[in-house]
């Protein structure tokens, strides 16, 4: 029997981090001392008080049953409290907040609620891959919005053709941005909201990195801006904020009708987040003001160690205000792939070629600050040595 996969799978590009993992595993098999700055998976353990909360909740047999599709009320209430305190945005816990099995799951599923075959989704490029793949799975077509240095890595909304806008239902935004680590102002969000209202487009803002910010900078929420809740939602993640990547917990919030549609999609696909994990999420939200400063201090130190060291060798890398990514322009004589390749082969350091996030990412590599600062020093030393 010949096994033939669906056309939607054939349309997908190779998933970036799978390819990186293959190269890393090959190097490790050769007993090389590999420093992995490729995938943004925090090395810092989940805080102990969150672990204790999970353990306690897991001992209660009631948490062993199917979770509520709409999410644990206590978690939604804590999210609403935090949103009000952090962004001065009031959210209805029952109608405007939906827990997710990680923000990636919600991002990948949202097109199923609003994209019909042949519809367009506006997607930044370079970008987090699920914006494109979620659109393709829903039968839609991703339309690229280039993120260019000369425009501060913001999409130029005026450059989008009217013929495209007629078939566009969704637009993804992401600030602070992965992979470029760029940030935006409320004025950009105002422009985007006005654009979306005019063209009847839903905005999905991926806000996974709003809490990983440095030097006193505080990124705004999309929902802070007048009119945002009328046309969009925002996705948040526990993964990066609390070092809980493997736990798979996130949430969407904002427009109640959009949340309702996403909830309907999810109720036909999954059975919610394990209730004990949601209880741990309650503890995480309650303690965020105590937990975050220490985590931010670690990443800020790592950022400074890596960038200061590389810049001392003549590389011109701008220090990001947020995220734990360094978006570094390649030097003369290299492209994204060739630089990433030589850094792995000659320095045993894994970095991500920028074009793996989309064609506009060509000319850059991304480095994740997810190893100890001493290993970052070693990585910088190796890279400086091979690049002269």
Protein backbone atom coordinates (compact mmCIF):
# COMPACT_ATOMS: atom_id res chain seq x y z
CA UNK A 1 0.00 0.00 0.00
CA UNK A 2 1.28 3.45 -0.89
CA UNK A 3 0.84 5.99 1.90
CA UNK A 4 -0.04 9.38 0.48
CA UNK A 5 -0.07 12.36 2.83
CA UNK A 6 -2.57 15.20 2.49
CA UNK A 7 -1.72 18.17 0.29
CA UNK A 8 -1.79 20.46 3.32
CA UNK A 9 1.22 18.61 4.72
CA UNK A 10 3.03 18.88 1.41
CA UNK A 11 2.59 22.64 1.51
CA UNK A 12 4.35 22.96 4.86
CA UNK A 13 8.03 23.93 4.96
CA UNK A 14 10.29 21.72 7.12
CA UNK A 15 9.70 22.77 10.72
CA UNK A 16 12.69 24.91 11.56
CA UNK A 17 13.57 23.54 14.98
CA UNK A 18 13.35 19.92 13.83
CA UNK A 19 16.10 20.61 11.31
CA UNK A 20 18.21 22.39 13.91
CA UNK A 21 17.77 19.49 16.31
CA UNK A 22 19.02 17.04 13.67
CA UNK A 23 22.24 19.02 13.21
CA UNK A 24 22.69 19.32 16.97
CA UNK A 25 22.16 15.59 17.55
CA UNK A 26 24.74 14.78 14.89
CA UNK A 27 27.30 16.99 16.62
CA UNK A 28 26.50 15.47 20.02
CA UNK A 29 26.84 11.97 18.58
CA UNK A 30 30.37 12.93 17.59
CA UNK A 31 31.05 13.73 21.28
CA UNK A 32 31.47 17.44 20.62
CA UNK A 33 30.90 20.01 23.40
CA UNK A 34 27.88 21.71 21.87
CA UNK A 35 26.46 24.98 23.21
CA UNK A 36 22.86 25.28 22.06
CA UNK A 37 21.68 28.83 21.37
CA UNK A 38 19.14 27.62 18.81
CA UNK A 39 15.77 26.84 20.35
CA UNK A 40 14.39 29.26 22.94
CA UNK A 41 13.77 26.73 25.71
CA UNK A 42 14.58 28.21 29.15
CA UNK A 43 17.24 26.35 31.13
CA UNK A 44 16.13 27.97 34.39
CA UNK A 45 13.91 25.60 36.44
CA UNK A 46 10.26 26.36 37.08
CA UNK A 47 10.05 28.17 40.47
CA UNK A 48 9.65 25.75 43.39
CA UNK A 49 6.44 27.28 44.73
CA UNK A 50 4.78 26.59 41.37
CA UNK A 51 6.02 22.99 41.48
CA UNK A 52 4.60 22.59 45.00
CA UNK A 53 1.25 23.93 43.83
CA UNK A 54 1.16 21.39 40.99
CA UNK A 55 2.03 18.55 43.36
CA UNK A 56 -0.64 19.51 45.85
CA UNK A 57 -3.30 19.86 43.15
CA UNK A 58 -2.33 16.59 41.51
CA UNK A 59 -3.05 14.70 44.74
CA UNK A 60 -6.70 15.74 44.56
CA UNK A 61 -8.64 13.09 42.57
CA UNK A 62 -10.98 15.79 41.28
CA UNK A 63 -8.14 17.15 39.10
CA UNK A 64 -7.78 13.75 37.40
CA UNK A 65 -11.02 14.15 35.47
CA UNK A 66 -11.57 15.96 32.18
CA UNK A 67 -10.86 19.64 32.56
CA UNK A 68 -13.52 22.25 31.91
CA UNK A 69 -13.34 23.35 28.26
CA UNK A 70 -13.74 26.98 29.29
CA UNK A 71 -10.89 26.75 31.79
CA UNK A 72 -10.56 26.86 35.57
CA UNK A 73 -12.50 29.87 36.93
CA UNK A 74 -9.82 30.61 39.54
CA UNK A 75 -7.13 30.84 36.85
CA UNK A 76 -9.20 33.16 34.68
CA UNK A 77 -9.90 35.39 37.65
CA UNK A 78 -6.19 35.67 38.49
CA UNK A 79 -5.41 36.48 34.85
CA UNK A 80 -8.04 39.23 34.92
CA UNK A 81 -6.57 40.67 38.12
CA UNK A 82 -3.08 40.66 36.63
CA UNK A 83 -4.25 42.29 33.39
CA UNK A 84 -5.91 45.08 35.30
CA UNK A 85 -2.82 45.69 37.43
CA UNK A 86 -0.22 45.30 34.65
CA UNK A 87 -2.00 46.94 31.69
CA UNK A 88 -5.02 48.68 33.24
CA UNK A 89 -7.25 46.57 31.00
CA UNK A 90 -10.49 45.15 32.39
CA UNK A 91 -11.34 41.64 31.22
CA UNK A 92 -14.45 39.57 31.86
CA UNK A 93 -13.08 36.24 33.19
CA UNK A 94 -16.07 34.29 31.87
CA UNK A 95 -16.27 35.69 28.34
CA UNK A 96 -12.94 37.30 27.49
CA UNK A 97 -10.31 34.84 28.78
CA UNK A 98 -9.60 31.31 27.54
CA UNK A 99 -6.81 29.07 28.93
CA UNK A 100 -4.82 27.21 26.27
CA UNK A 101 -2.57 24.18 26.04
CA UNK A 102 0.27 26.63 25.46
CA UNK A 103 -0.15 29.76 23.34
CA UNK A 104 1.18 27.86 20.29
CA UNK A 105 -1.90 25.66 20.32
CA UNK A 106 -4.26 28.63 20.32
CA UNK A 107 -2.28 30.46 17.64
CA UNK A 108 -2.31 27.40 15.39
CA UNK A 109 -6.04 26.80 15.92
CA UNK A 110 -7.40 30.35 15.60
CA UNK A 111 -7.43 30.26 11.76
CA UNK A 112 -9.80 27.27 11.88
CA UNK A 113 -12.41 29.58 13.36
CA UNK A 114 -12.16 32.36 10.78
CA UNK A 115 -10.38 31.20 7.62
CA UNK A 116 -12.18 29.52 4.74
CA UNK A 117 -10.43 27.95 1.78
CA UNK A 118 -8.63 30.63 -0.21
CA UNK A 119 -8.89 33.33 2.46
CA UNK A 120 -5.76 35.29 3.31
CA UNK A 121 -3.96 35.77 6.60
CA UNK A 122 -1.49 38.64 6.96
CA UNK A 123 1.66 37.21 8.51
CA UNK A 124 4.84 39.04 9.54
CA UNK A 125 8.06 37.73 8.03
CA UNK A 126 10.32 36.60 9.67
CA UNK A 127 7.97 35.04 12.20
CA UNK A 128 7.09 32.29 14.63
CA UNK A 129 6.22 29.41 12.23
CA UNK A 130 2.68 28.53 13.51
CA UNK A 131 1.27 31.80 12.07
CA UNK A 132 1.88 30.36 8.60
CA UNK A 133 1.26 26.68 9.29
CA UNK A 134 -2.00 27.31 11.16
CA UNK A 135 -3.24 29.27 8.16
CA UNK A 136 -2.26 26.48 5.75
CA UNK A 137 -3.99 23.82 7.87
CA UNK A 138 -7.18 25.91 7.74
CA UNK A 139 -7.01 26.07 3.93
CA UNK A 140 -5.92 29.68 3.88
CA UNK A 141 -3.01 31.45 2.23
CA UNK A 142 -0.37 33.32 4.28
CA UNK A 143 0.42 36.76 2.83
CA UNK A 144 3.79 38.06 3.91
CA UNK A 145 4.31 41.41 5.66
CA UNK A 146 8.10 41.99 5.55
CA UNK A 147 9.75 43.13 8.79
CA UNK A 148 12.69 45.28 7.71
CA UNK A 149 15.40 47.03 9.70
CA UNK A 150 14.68 50.35 7.98
CA UNK A 151 11.11 50.20 9.34
CA UNK A 152 12.20 49.12 12.86
CA UNK A 153 10.96 45.60 12.07
CA UNK A 154 7.35 46.79 11.91
CA UNK A 155 5.08 45.81 9.00
CA UNK A 156 4.27 48.59 6.53
CA UNK A 157 0.48 48.35 6.50
CA UNK A 158 0.22 51.00 3.75
CA UNK A 159 2.12 48.66 1.42
CA UNK A 160 -0.56 45.94 1.44
CA UNK A 161 -2.53 45.82 -1.81
CA UNK A 162 -6.29 46.45 -1.79
CA UNK A 163 -6.85 43.26 -3.77
CA UNK A 164 -5.24 41.33 -0.92
CA UNK A 165 -7.27 43.08 1.76
CA UNK A 166 -10.56 42.02 0.14
CA UNK A 167 -9.72 38.37 0.86
CA UNK A 168 -8.03 38.86 4.25
CA UNK A 169 -9.72 37.74 7.47
CA UNK A 170 -6.87 37.63 10.00
CA UNK A 171 -3.63 39.45 10.78
CA UNK A 172 -0.93 38.20 13.16
CA UNK A 173 1.25 40.66 15.08
CA UNK A 174 3.94 39.87 17.65
CA UNK A 175 5.62 42.44 19.93
CA UNK A 176 8.05 42.10 21.57
CA UNK A 177 8.96 40.16 18.47
CA UNK A 178 10.34 36.70 17.87
CA UNK A 179 12.80 36.38 16.18
CA UNK A 180 13.89 40.02 15.71
CA UNK A 181 13.43 41.04 19.41
CA UNK A 182 11.95 44.33 18.12
CA UNK A 183 9.42 46.25 20.21
CA UNK A 184 6.63 48.60 19.20
CA UNK A 185 4.80 51.59 20.63
CA UNK A 186 1.11 52.15 21.30
CA UNK A 187 1.05 54.41 18.25
CA UNK A 188 1.76 51.41 16.03
CA UNK A 189 -1.05 49.48 17.68
CA UNK A 190 -3.35 52.47 17.06
CA UNK A 191 -2.40 52.39 13.38
CA UNK A 192 -3.01 48.64 13.21
CA UNK A 193 -6.43 48.93 14.88
CA UNK A 194 -7.51 51.67 12.51
CA UNK A 195 -6.29 49.56 9.57
CA UNK A 196 -8.15 46.47 10.84
CA UNK A 197 -11.40 48.37 11.44
CA UNK A 198 -11.31 49.83 7.94
CA UNK A 199 -10.68 46.47 6.28
CA UNK A 200 -12.73 44.21 8.59
CA UNK A 201 -9.71 42.16 9.71
CA UNK A 202 -9.28 40.37 13.04
CA UNK A 203 -5.97 41.06 14.80
CA UNK A 204 -4.28 38.25 16.73
CA UNK A 205 -1.46 39.67 18.81
CA UNK A 206 1.11 37.22 20.16
CA UNK A 207 2.30 38.80 23.42
CA UNK A 208 4.37 35.89 24.74
CA UNK A 209 7.37 38.09 25.60
CA UNK A 210 5.82 41.18 27.21
CA UNK A 211 7.21 40.26 30.62
CA UNK A 212 10.79 39.47 29.57
CA UNK A 213 11.99 43.06 29.29
CA UNK A 214 15.16 44.90 30.30
CA UNK A 215 16.60 48.22 31.46
CA UNK A 216 13.29 49.31 33.00
CA UNK A 217 11.36 48.99 29.72
CA UNK A 218 7.75 47.76 29.96
CA UNK A 219 6.14 46.63 26.68
CA UNK A 220 2.52 47.69 26.16
CA UNK A 221 -0.38 45.34 25.60
CA UNK A 222 -2.27 45.55 22.33
CA UNK A 223 -5.46 45.57 24.40
CA UNK A 224 -4.41 48.78 26.16
CA UNK A 225 -5.21 50.76 23.03
CA UNK A 226 -8.71 52.09 22.43
CA UNK A 227 -10.67 49.91 20.01
CA UNK A 228 -8.44 46.83 20.35
CA UNK A 229 -11.02 44.71 22.11
CA UNK A 230 -13.53 45.39 19.35
CA UNK A 231 -11.34 43.79 16.67
CA UNK A 232 -8.84 41.44 18.26
CA UNK A 233 -7.39 39.16 20.89
CA UNK A 234 -4.04 38.70 22.56
CA UNK A 235 -2.12 35.49 23.29
CA UNK A 236 0.06 35.02 26.38
CA UNK A 237 2.28 32.18 27.48
CA UNK A 238 3.44 30.79 30.82
CA UNK A 239 6.32 29.09 29.01
CA UNK A 240 8.82 31.94 28.86
CA UNK A 241 7.54 34.08 31.74
CA UNK A 242 7.73 31.29 34.33
CA UNK A 243 10.11 28.77 32.66
CA UNK A 244 7.20 26.39 32.05
CA UNK A 245 7.72 25.40 28.40
CA UNK A 246 6.99 21.70 28.92
CA UNK A 247 3.90 22.34 31.01
CA UNK A 248 1.91 23.69 28.05
CA UNK A 249 -0.11 26.50 29.54
CA UNK A 250 -1.13 29.80 28.00
CA UNK A 251 -4.23 31.88 27.40
CA UNK A 252 -6.04 34.06 24.89
CA UNK A 253 -7.98 37.16 25.90
CA UNK A 254 -9.89 40.00 24.33
CA UNK A 255 -12.94 40.17 22.07
CA UNK A 256 -15.61 37.83 23.46
CA UNK A 257 -16.90 36.68 20.05
CA UNK A 258 -13.41 35.76 18.88
CA UNK A 259 -12.73 33.96 22.16
CA UNK A 260 -16.04 32.11 21.78
CA UNK A 261 -15.09 30.91 18.30
CA UNK A 262 -11.66 29.73 19.43
CA UNK A 263 -13.28 27.91 22.37
CA UNK A 264 -15.63 26.13 19.96
CA UNK A 265 -12.70 25.00 17.81
CA UNK A 266 -10.87 23.72 20.87
CA UNK A 267 -13.88 21.90 22.33
CA UNK A 268 -13.93 19.78 19.17
CA UNK A 269 -10.18 19.05 19.29
CA UNK A 270 -8.99 18.81 22.89
CA UNK A 271 -10.36 18.43 26.41
CA UNK A 272 -8.68 21.39 28.04
CA UNK A 273 -5.58 21.84 30.17
CA UNK A 274 -4.90 19.32 32.96
CA UNK A 275 -6.63 20.91 35.94
CA UNK A 276 -3.64 20.51 38.29
CA UNK A 277 -1.52 22.51 35.85
CA UNK A 278 -4.15 25.24 35.84
CA UNK A 279 -3.98 25.36 39.65
CA UNK A 280 -0.21 25.79 39.31
CA UNK A 281 -0.97 28.61 36.87
CA UNK A 282 -3.04 30.31 39.56
CA UNK A 283 -0.02 30.24 41.87
CA UNK A 284 2.22 31.55 39.09
CA UNK A 285 -0.06 34.52 38.42
CA UNK A 286 -0.39 35.32 42.12
CA UNK A 287 3.39 35.40 42.59
CA UNK A 288 4.46 37.04 39.32
CA UNK A 289 5.72 40.23 40.97
CA UNK A 290 8.06 38.19 43.19
CA UNK A 291 9.17 35.69 40.56
CA UNK A 292 9.85 37.86 37.52
CA UNK A 293 12.55 40.28 38.72
CA UNK A 294 15.02 37.47 39.38
CA UNK A 295 14.36 35.84 36.01
CA UNK A 296 14.72 39.16 34.19
CA UNK A 297 18.00 39.89 35.98
CA UNK A 298 19.43 36.57 34.80
CA UNK A 299 18.52 37.18 31.16
CA UNK A 300 19.74 40.79 31.24
CA UNK A 301 23.12 39.64 32.54
CA UNK A 302 23.28 36.98 29.82
CA UNK A 303 22.31 39.50 27.14
CA UNK A 304 25.10 41.84 28.22
CA UNK A 305 27.70 39.06 28.45
CA UNK A 306 27.04 37.74 24.95
CA UNK A 307 26.55 41.01 23.09
CA UNK A 308 29.37 42.92 24.80
CA UNK A 309 31.76 40.10 24.02
CA UNK A 310 30.77 39.78 20.37
CA UNK A 311 30.70 43.55 19.84
CA UNK A 312 34.23 43.81 21.25
CA UNK A 313 35.33 41.75 18.26
CA UNK A 314 33.77 44.19 15.81
CA UNK A 315 30.29 42.71 15.45
CA UNK A 316 27.58 45.39 15.62
CA UNK A 317 24.67 43.88 17.53
CA UNK A 318 22.00 46.00 19.16
CA UNK A 319 20.97 45.06 22.69
CA UNK A 320 17.27 44.07 22.71
CA UNK A 321 14.84 45.74 25.09
CA UNK A 322 12.85 42.53 25.45
CA UNK A 323 12.72 38.77 24.71
CA UNK A 324 15.64 36.43 25.33
CA UNK A 325 16.73 36.49 21.70
CA UNK A 326 19.63 38.24 20.02
CA UNK A 327 18.99 39.11 16.36
CA UNK A 328 22.44 39.54 14.87
CA UNK A 329 23.23 40.73 11.33
CA UNK A 330 25.59 38.44 9.45
CA UNK A 331 28.95 39.86 8.47
CA UNK A 332 30.29 40.34 4.97
CA UNK A 333 30.98 37.14 3.10
CA UNK A 334 28.22 35.12 4.73
CA UNK A 335 24.51 34.54 4.46
CA UNK A 336 22.28 33.25 7.25
CA UNK A 337 22.74 29.56 6.51
CA UNK A 338 26.48 29.68 5.82
CA UNK A 339 27.20 31.60 9.01
CA UNK A 340 25.05 29.26 11.12
CA UNK A 341 26.78 26.29 9.51
CA UNK A 342 30.34 27.47 10.15
CA UNK A 343 29.50 28.46 13.74
CA UNK A 344 28.24 24.93 14.40
CA UNK A 345 31.01 23.15 12.51
CA UNK A 346 33.94 25.23 13.77
CA UNK A 347 32.73 26.53 17.15
CA UNK A 348 30.26 23.80 18.19
CA UNK A 349 27.63 26.47 18.84
CA UNK A 350 24.06 26.06 17.58
CA UNK A 351 22.44 29.25 16.28
CA UNK A 352 19.36 29.68 14.10
CA UNK A 353 19.65 31.05 10.55
CA UNK A 354 17.29 33.98 10.15
CA UNK A 355 15.86 32.75 6.85
CA UNK A 356 14.46 29.74 8.70
CA UNK A 357 11.80 32.14 10.05
CA UNK A 358 10.98 33.41 6.55
CA UNK A 359 12.78 34.82 3.54
CA UNK A 360 12.93 38.32 5.03
CA UNK A 361 15.05 36.91 7.83
CA UNK A 362 17.93 36.40 5.42
CA UNK A 363 21.00 38.31 6.54
CA UNK A 364 20.54 37.55 10.24
CA UNK A 365 21.03 34.78 12.78
CA UNK A 366 19.14 34.35 16.04
CA UNK A 367 20.80 33.38 19.31
CA UNK A 368 18.78 32.39 22.38
CA UNK A 369 19.96 33.40 25.86
CA UNK A 370 18.89 30.08 27.30
CA UNK A 371 22.22 28.81 28.65
CA UNK A 372 24.21 29.91 31.69
CA UNK A 373 26.23 33.13 31.32
CA UNK A 374 29.50 31.18 31.67
CA UNK A 375 28.54 29.09 28.65
CA UNK A 376 27.56 32.24 26.78
CA UNK A 377 31.04 33.61 27.47
CA UNK A 378 32.50 30.40 26.09
CA UNK A 379 30.21 30.54 23.03
CA UNK A 380 31.25 34.12 22.30
CA UNK A 381 34.92 33.19 22.71
CA UNK A 382 34.60 30.33 20.22
CA UNK A 383 32.67 32.43 17.70
CA UNK A 384 35.18 35.29 17.90
CA UNK A 385 38.01 32.82 17.36
CA UNK A 386 36.64 31.35 14.12
CA UNK A 387 35.51 34.69 12.69
CA UNK A 388 38.76 36.43 13.47
